[in-house]
Protein backbone atom coordinates (compact mmCIF):
# COMPACT_ATOMS: atom_id res chain seq x y z
CA UNK A 1 0.00 0.00 0.00
CA UNK A 2 2.70 2.61 0.88
CA UNK A 3 4.35 1.86 -2.45
CA UNK A 4 1.08 2.56 -4.27
CA UNK A 5 0.66 5.86 -2.41
CA UNK A 6 4.21 6.89 -3.33
CA UNK A 7 3.49 6.06 -6.95
CA UNK A 8 0.33 8.18 -6.88
CA UNK A 9 2.17 11.08 -5.24
CA UNK A 10 4.97 10.88 -7.81
CA UNK A 11 2.43 10.82 -10.65
CA UNK A 12 0.68 13.88 -9.26
CA UNK A 13 3.97 15.75 -8.87
CA UNK A 14 4.99 14.93 -12.44
CA UNK A 15 1.60 16.18 -13.65
CA UNK A 16 1.98 19.41 -11.69
CA UNK A 17 5.47 20.02 -13.08
CA UNK A 18 4.30 19.28 -16.62
CA UNK A 19 1.34 21.65 -16.22
CA UNK A 20 3.62 24.39 -14.91
CA UNK A 21 6.00 23.96 -17.83
CA UNK A 22 3.13 24.11 -20.34
CA UNK A 23 2.05 27.42 -18.78
CA UNK A 24 5.33 29.10 -19.76
CA UNK A 25 5.78 31.48 -22.68
CA UNK A 26 8.33 30.22 -25.19
CA UNK A 27 10.67 32.61 -26.99
CA UNK A 28 12.66 31.38 -29.98
CA UNK A 29 15.10 33.74 -31.75
CA UNK A 30 15.34 33.27 -35.52
CA UNK A 31 18.78 34.68 -36.24
CA UNK A 32 21.07 34.07 -39.17
CA UNK A 33 23.25 31.35 -37.59
CA UNK A 34 22.11 28.63 -35.22
CA UNK A 35 23.34 28.95 -31.66
CA UNK A 36 24.79 32.45 -32.15
CA UNK A 37 23.84 36.12 -31.75
CA UNK A 38 24.78 37.73 -35.06
CA UNK A 39 24.87 41.07 -36.83
CA UNK A 40 21.35 41.23 -38.31
CA UNK A 41 19.52 39.25 -35.62
CA UNK A 42 16.17 40.78 -34.62
CA UNK A 43 13.47 38.17 -35.32
CA UNK A 44 11.82 36.22 -32.51
CA UNK A 45 8.80 33.95 -32.17
CA UNK A 46 6.71 34.22 -29.00
CA UNK A 47 4.46 31.27 -28.22
CA UNK A 48 1.65 31.57 -25.68
CA UNK A 49 0.74 28.57 -23.54
CA UNK A 50 -2.45 28.26 -25.62
CA UNK A 51 -0.38 27.80 -28.79
CA UNK A 52 -0.76 31.31 -30.24
CA UNK A 53 2.48 32.19 -32.06
CA UNK A 54 3.64 35.75 -32.82
CA UNK A 55 6.58 36.67 -35.07
CA UNK A 56 8.32 39.90 -34.07
CA UNK A 57 10.37 41.92 -36.61
CA UNK A 58 11.02 39.21 -39.20
CA UNK A 59 13.69 41.41 -40.77
CA UNK A 60 16.38 39.81 -42.89
CA UNK A 61 17.19 36.65 -40.94
CA UNK A 62 13.92 34.81 -41.59
CA UNK A 63 14.66 33.11 -44.89
CA UNK A 64 11.41 34.11 -46.54
CA UNK A 65 7.97 32.53 -46.12
CA UNK A 66 9.36 29.02 -46.70
CA UNK A 67 11.85 29.20 -43.83
CA UNK A 68 11.42 25.80 -42.14
CA UNK A 69 11.84 27.41 -38.71
CA UNK A 70 8.61 29.40 -38.96
CA UNK A 71 5.87 26.83 -38.50
CA UNK A 72 2.43 28.18 -37.63
CA UNK A 73 2.35 31.97 -37.29
CA UNK A 74 -0.82 33.70 -36.08
CA UNK A 75 0.40 37.30 -36.11
CA UNK A 76 3.35 39.35 -37.32
CA UNK A 77 4.47 42.41 -35.35
CA UNK A 78 6.53 45.09 -37.13
CA UNK A 79 8.08 47.84 -35.03
CA UNK A 80 8.83 50.10 -37.99
CA UNK A 81 9.45 50.16 -41.71
CA UNK A 82 13.24 50.05 -41.93
CA UNK A 83 14.53 47.21 -44.07
CA UNK A 84 16.30 45.34 -41.29
CA UNK A 85 12.98 45.05 -39.40
CA UNK A 86 10.24 44.70 -42.01
CA UNK A 87 12.53 42.78 -44.34
CA UNK A 88 13.72 44.45 -47.55
CA UNK A 89 15.79 41.33 -48.29
CA UNK A 90 16.51 38.08 -46.50
CA UNK A 91 18.74 35.05 -46.07
CA UNK A 92 19.07 32.63 -48.93
CA UNK A 93 18.76 29.91 -46.27
CA UNK A 94 19.31 29.65 -42.50
CA UNK A 95 23.06 29.73 -41.86
CA UNK A 96 23.97 31.27 -45.23
CA UNK A 97 27.05 33.48 -45.19
CA UNK A 98 28.82 34.23 -41.92
CA UNK A 99 27.70 35.63 -38.58
CA UNK A 100 29.35 38.96 -39.41
CA UNK A 101 28.18 38.96 -43.02
CA UNK A 102 25.03 36.86 -43.47
CA UNK A 103 24.03 36.17 -47.07
CA UNK A 104 20.85 38.25 -47.26
CA UNK A 105 20.93 38.60 -51.03
CA UNK A 106 17.31 37.59 -51.71
CA UNK A 107 15.33 40.76 -52.49
CA UNK A 108 11.90 41.00 -50.86
CA UNK A 109 10.97 44.43 -52.20
CA UNK A 110 8.54 45.82 -53.05
CA UNK A 111 6.51 43.26 -51.09
CA UNK A 112 8.72 43.01 -47.94
CA UNK A 113 9.54 39.81 -46.10
CA UNK A 114 6.76 40.46 -43.58
CA UNK A 115 4.06 40.66 -46.26
CA UNK A 116 5.33 37.54 -48.01
CA UNK A 117 5.26 35.62 -44.72
CA UNK A 118 1.72 36.82 -44.02
CA UNK A 119 0.55 35.68 -47.46
CA UNK A 120 2.08 32.21 -46.98
CA UNK A 121 1.06 31.60 -43.35
CA UNK A 122 -2.23 33.50 -43.21
CA UNK A 123 -0.95 35.51 -40.25
CA UNK A 124 -2.41 38.92 -39.50
CA UNK A 125 0.00 41.86 -39.47
CA UNK A 126 -0.61 43.91 -36.33
CA UNK A 127 0.93 47.40 -36.31
CA UNK A 128 0.31 50.91 -35.06
CA UNK A 129 0.50 54.44 -36.46
CA UNK A 130 -0.03 54.63 -40.27
CA UNK A 131 1.63 51.32 -41.07
CA UNK A 132 -1.59 49.23 -41.41
CA UNK A 133 -2.55 51.17 -44.57
CA UNK A 134 0.76 50.26 -46.21
CA UNK A 135 0.44 46.56 -45.39
CA UNK A 136 -3.24 46.42 -46.38
CA UNK A 137 -2.41 47.88 -49.80
CA UNK A 138 0.41 45.38 -50.30
CA UNK A 139 -1.77 42.42 -49.35
CA UNK A 140 -4.58 43.55 -51.67
CA UNK A 141 -2.21 44.11 -54.61
CA UNK A 142 -0.84 40.59 -54.19
CA UNK A 143 -4.26 38.94 -54.05
CA UNK A 144 -4.36 38.66 -50.26
CA UNK A 145 -6.91 39.94 -47.76
CA UNK A 146 -6.30 43.59 -46.77
CA UNK A 147 -8.22 42.93 -43.56
CA UNK A 148 -5.25 40.83 -42.47
CA UNK A 149 -3.51 44.15 -41.75
CA UNK A 150 -4.87 45.31 -38.40
CA UNK A 151 -4.42 48.45 -36.36
CA UNK A 152 -3.66 48.79 -32.67
CA UNK A 153 -2.70 52.29 -31.60
CA UNK A 154 -1.12 53.52 -28.35
CA UNK A 155 -3.68 53.35 -25.55
CA UNK A 156 -5.74 50.56 -27.13
CA UNK A 157 -5.23 46.80 -27.42
CA UNK A 158 -6.11 43.84 -29.60
CA UNK A 159 -6.49 40.18 -28.65
CA UNK A 160 -4.69 37.60 -30.78
CA UNK A 161 -5.56 34.19 -29.39
CA UNK A 162 -4.44 34.24 -25.76
CA UNK A 163 -2.21 37.30 -26.21
CA UNK A 164 -3.24 40.91 -25.66
CA UNK A 165 -1.25 43.28 -27.89
CA UNK A 166 -0.80 47.01 -27.51
CA UNK A 167 1.67 49.49 -28.98
CA UNK A 168 3.73 52.02 -27.06
CA UNK A 169 5.73 55.02 -28.32
CA UNK A 170 9.25 54.66 -29.65
CA UNK A 171 11.63 57.47 -30.55
CA UNK A 172 13.11 56.69 -33.95
CA UNK A 173 12.41 57.38 -37.65
CA UNK A 174 9.94 55.41 -39.74
CA UNK A 175 10.42 56.15 -43.42
CA UNK A 176 9.37 53.78 -46.19
CA UNK A 177 12.14 53.36 -48.76
CA UNK A 178 11.35 53.84 -52.43
CA UNK A 179 12.17 50.19 -53.14
CA UNK A 180 9.22 49.16 -50.93
CA UNK A 181 6.87 51.44 -52.85
CA UNK A 182 8.02 50.58 -56.34
CA UNK A 183 6.99 52.20 -59.59
CA UNK A 184 7.66 55.79 -60.55
CA UNK A 185 6.80 57.11 -57.09
CA UNK A 186 9.39 54.89 -55.46
CA UNK A 187 11.96 55.81 -58.09
CA UNK A 188 11.35 59.54 -57.65
CA UNK A 189 11.61 59.29 -53.87
CA UNK A 190 14.96 57.53 -54.13
CA UNK A 191 16.22 60.06 -56.64
CA UNK A 192 15.25 62.90 -54.31
CA UNK A 193 16.84 61.20 -51.30
CA UNK A 194 13.48 61.01 -49.54
CA UNK A 195 11.37 58.34 -47.89
CA UNK A 196 7.59 58.12 -47.50
CA UNK A 197 6.17 58.69 -44.02
CA UNK A 198 4.47 55.79 -42.22
CA UNK A 199 3.69 57.52 -38.94
CA UNK A 200 5.65 57.13 -35.70
CA UNK A 201 7.54 53.91 -34.99
CA UNK A 202 6.30 51.74 -32.14
CA UNK A 203 7.23 49.33 -29.42
CA UNK A 204 4.89 46.61 -28.17
CA UNK A 205 3.56 45.38 -24.85
CA UNK A 206 2.32 41.80 -24.93
CA UNK A 207 0.27 40.25 -22.12
CA UNK A 208 0.21 36.46 -22.29
CA UNK A 209 -2.35 34.05 -20.88
CA UNK A 210 -0.03 33.02 -18.03
CA UNK A 211 0.13 36.65 -16.87
CA UNK A 212 3.58 37.41 -18.31
CA UNK A 213 3.91 40.98 -19.60
CA UNK A 214 6.62 41.53 -22.23
CA UNK A 215 7.94 44.82 -23.62
CA UNK A 216 9.43 44.80 -27.12
CA UNK A 217 11.40 48.02 -27.44
CA UNK A 218 11.81 48.18 -31.21
CA UNK A 219 14.33 50.79 -32.29
CA UNK A 220 14.11 53.61 -29.77
CA UNK A 221 15.98 55.98 -27.58
CA UNK A 222 15.14 56.53 -23.91
CA UNK A 223 11.52 57.63 -23.46
CA UNK A 224 9.42 58.71 -20.49
CA UNK A 225 6.82 56.12 -21.49
CA UNK A 226 9.28 53.36 -20.65
CA UNK A 227 8.76 54.22 -17.00
CA UNK A 228 5.21 55.62 -16.94
CA UNK A 229 3.55 53.18 -19.33
CA UNK A 230 5.77 50.11 -19.66
CA UNK A 231 7.01 50.03 -16.06
CA UNK A 232 4.30 51.66 -13.96
CA UNK A 233 1.12 50.90 -15.94
CA UNK A 234 1.82 47.51 -17.51
CA UNK A 235 4.55 46.38 -15.10
CA UNK A 236 6.50 44.48 -17.75
CA UNK A 237 8.51 41.57 -16.33
CA UNK A 238 10.41 40.56 -19.46
CA UNK A 239 11.98 43.06 -21.86
CA UNK A 240 13.46 42.56 -25.33
CA UNK A 241 15.85 45.53 -25.50
CA UNK A 242 17.62 46.86 -28.58
CA UNK A 243 21.20 47.81 -27.67
CA UNK A 244 22.89 48.57 -31.01
CA UNK A 245 23.85 52.23 -30.44
CA UNK A 246 23.77 54.99 -33.11
CA UNK A 247 20.46 53.69 -34.55
CA UNK A 248 18.89 52.86 -31.17
CA UNK A 249 19.79 52.86 -27.49
CA UNK A 250 23.40 51.91 -26.85
CA UNK A 251 24.35 49.39 -24.16
CA UNK A 252 24.72 51.99 -21.39
CA UNK A 253 21.45 53.74 -22.27
CA UNK A 254 19.64 50.41 -22.57
CA UNK A 255 20.96 49.37 -19.15
CA UNK A 256 19.57 52.61 -17.69
CA UNK A 257 16.14 51.81 -19.15
CA UNK A 258 16.23 48.37 -17.53
CA UNK A 259 17.76 49.33 -14.17
CA UNK A 260 16.00 52.63 -13.49
CA UNK A 261 12.86 52.90 -15.60
CA UNK A 262 11.23 49.50 -16.18
CA UNK A 263 12.91 47.26 -13.56
CA UNK A 264 11.79 43.92 -15.04
CA UNK A 265 12.69 40.44 -13.83
CA UNK A 266 14.66 39.54 -16.97
CA UNK A 267 15.83 41.02 -20.25
CA UNK A 268 16.75 39.59 -23.66
CA UNK A 269 19.37 41.59 -25.55
CA UNK A 270 18.60 42.32 -29.19
CA UNK A 271 19.69 44.32 -32.24
CA UNK A 272 23.35 44.67 -31.21
CA UNK A 273 24.53 45.18 -34.83
CA UNK A 274 27.59 43.05 -34.14
CA UNK A 275 28.77 39.49 -33.74
CA UNK A 276 27.87 39.14 -30.08
CA UNK A 277 28.81 35.52 -29.49
CA UNK A 278 31.18 32.79 -30.58
CA UNK A 279 30.27 29.21 -29.79
CA UNK A 280 27.22 30.55 -28.00
CA UNK A 281 29.35 32.53 -25.51
CA UNK A 282 29.48 36.30 -25.32
CA UNK A 283 32.57 37.88 -26.87
CA UNK A 284 34.67 40.07 -24.59
CA UNK A 285 34.65 43.78 -25.43
CA UNK A 286 31.39 43.70 -27.38
CA UNK A 287 28.38 45.91 -26.83
CA UNK A 288 26.58 42.77 -25.75
CA UNK A 289 29.08 42.21 -22.93
CA UNK A 290 28.94 45.89 -21.93
CA UNK A 291 25.15 45.67 -21.63
CA UNK A 292 25.29 42.46 -19.60
CA UNK A 293 27.81 43.94 -17.16
CA UNK A 294 25.84 47.17 -16.73
CA UNK A 295 22.45 45.53 -16.17
CA UNK A 296 21.25 44.53 -12.70
CA UNK A 297 18.82 41.79 -13.77
CA UNK A 298 19.60 38.57 -15.69
CA UNK A 299 20.39 39.22 -19.36
CA UNK A 300 19.63 36.35 -21.72
CA UNK A 301 21.30 35.98 -25.10
CA UNK A 302 19.03 35.47 -28.14
CA UNK A 303 20.90 32.49 -29.54
CA UNK A 304 19.28 31.57 -32.83
CA UNK A 305 17.10 28.47 -32.66
CA UNK A 306 17.45 28.08 -28.90
CA UNK A 307 14.04 28.27 -27.20
CA UNK A 308 13.77 29.99 -23.83
CA UNK A 309 10.79 29.55 -21.49
CA UNK A 310 9.48 32.21 -19.10
CA UNK A 311 6.91 31.96 -16.32
CA UNK A 312 4.37 34.63 -15.45
CA UNK A 313 6.86 36.51 -13.29
CA UNK A 314 9.41 36.87 -16.10
CA UNK A 315 11.79 34.29 -14.71
CA UNK A 316 13.50 32.01 -17.23
CA UNK A 317 12.60 28.41 -16.44
CA UNK A 318 14.41 26.65 -19.29
CA UNK A 319 16.78 27.27 -22.18
CA UNK A 320 18.64 30.26 -20.74
């Protein structure tokens, strides 16, 4: 009899542990080279415990709509219209080229990588500001459904499966290059050295069904909203922070955002514009290392293809 009771207790404990693990949010970076953090790496897939899967900033490292790493995608989030985020070109295949110089020679303009992925997977494109009009027009012109481009502006939210999505302000530019417009208009814009305006860029706050709140910074400088909205209102516990400098917050500025404004449980470094790792280990003297050393909470590396799991408090439970 005692042996039977022990067996029952063990079975219950295993079930509890399995249930807890299934309640975690999974984050899988889709960089250019497996197991590394490379120059163009931005893209990540977020999977809710209910199976809803969101692709963030597909950029250039998702090898088009047929990339075998994609799987089911329910929504695509685009922080802004620059080519390295929306995808003006992309990898010929995962691992093509080198970590410092990925082979992103496949042109995706004027469609963009994000639109092509939406057409293939059926995913909605969820963006703020004036970007939904651009994506709706692209989808319609290519025979897709313009209603797959959906708006969520700052202060509002939209539910995608088990995930609540809202946008928050980012301080950056958001011009649409002529190559993405095509035709005479695109040609004339390029000749004049101008870009079309797509409204302000955005960051995202995602609230998952397990209670985890995630802030995706996009390309931004330091903003007051990072404290007032992201930290105080939404109380984000996991942050994906761009640290590349010049084009976005540098490592010291990004550390200030984490340490003093948002104060999350964990942070994932992103958009370093460098080879941040070798053999999966951070390289000494890099911006990535500077950010890690300056940040008071655990910093997790977005190693391509390596899935990380986070509980509702923002603590990494596996893969970090």
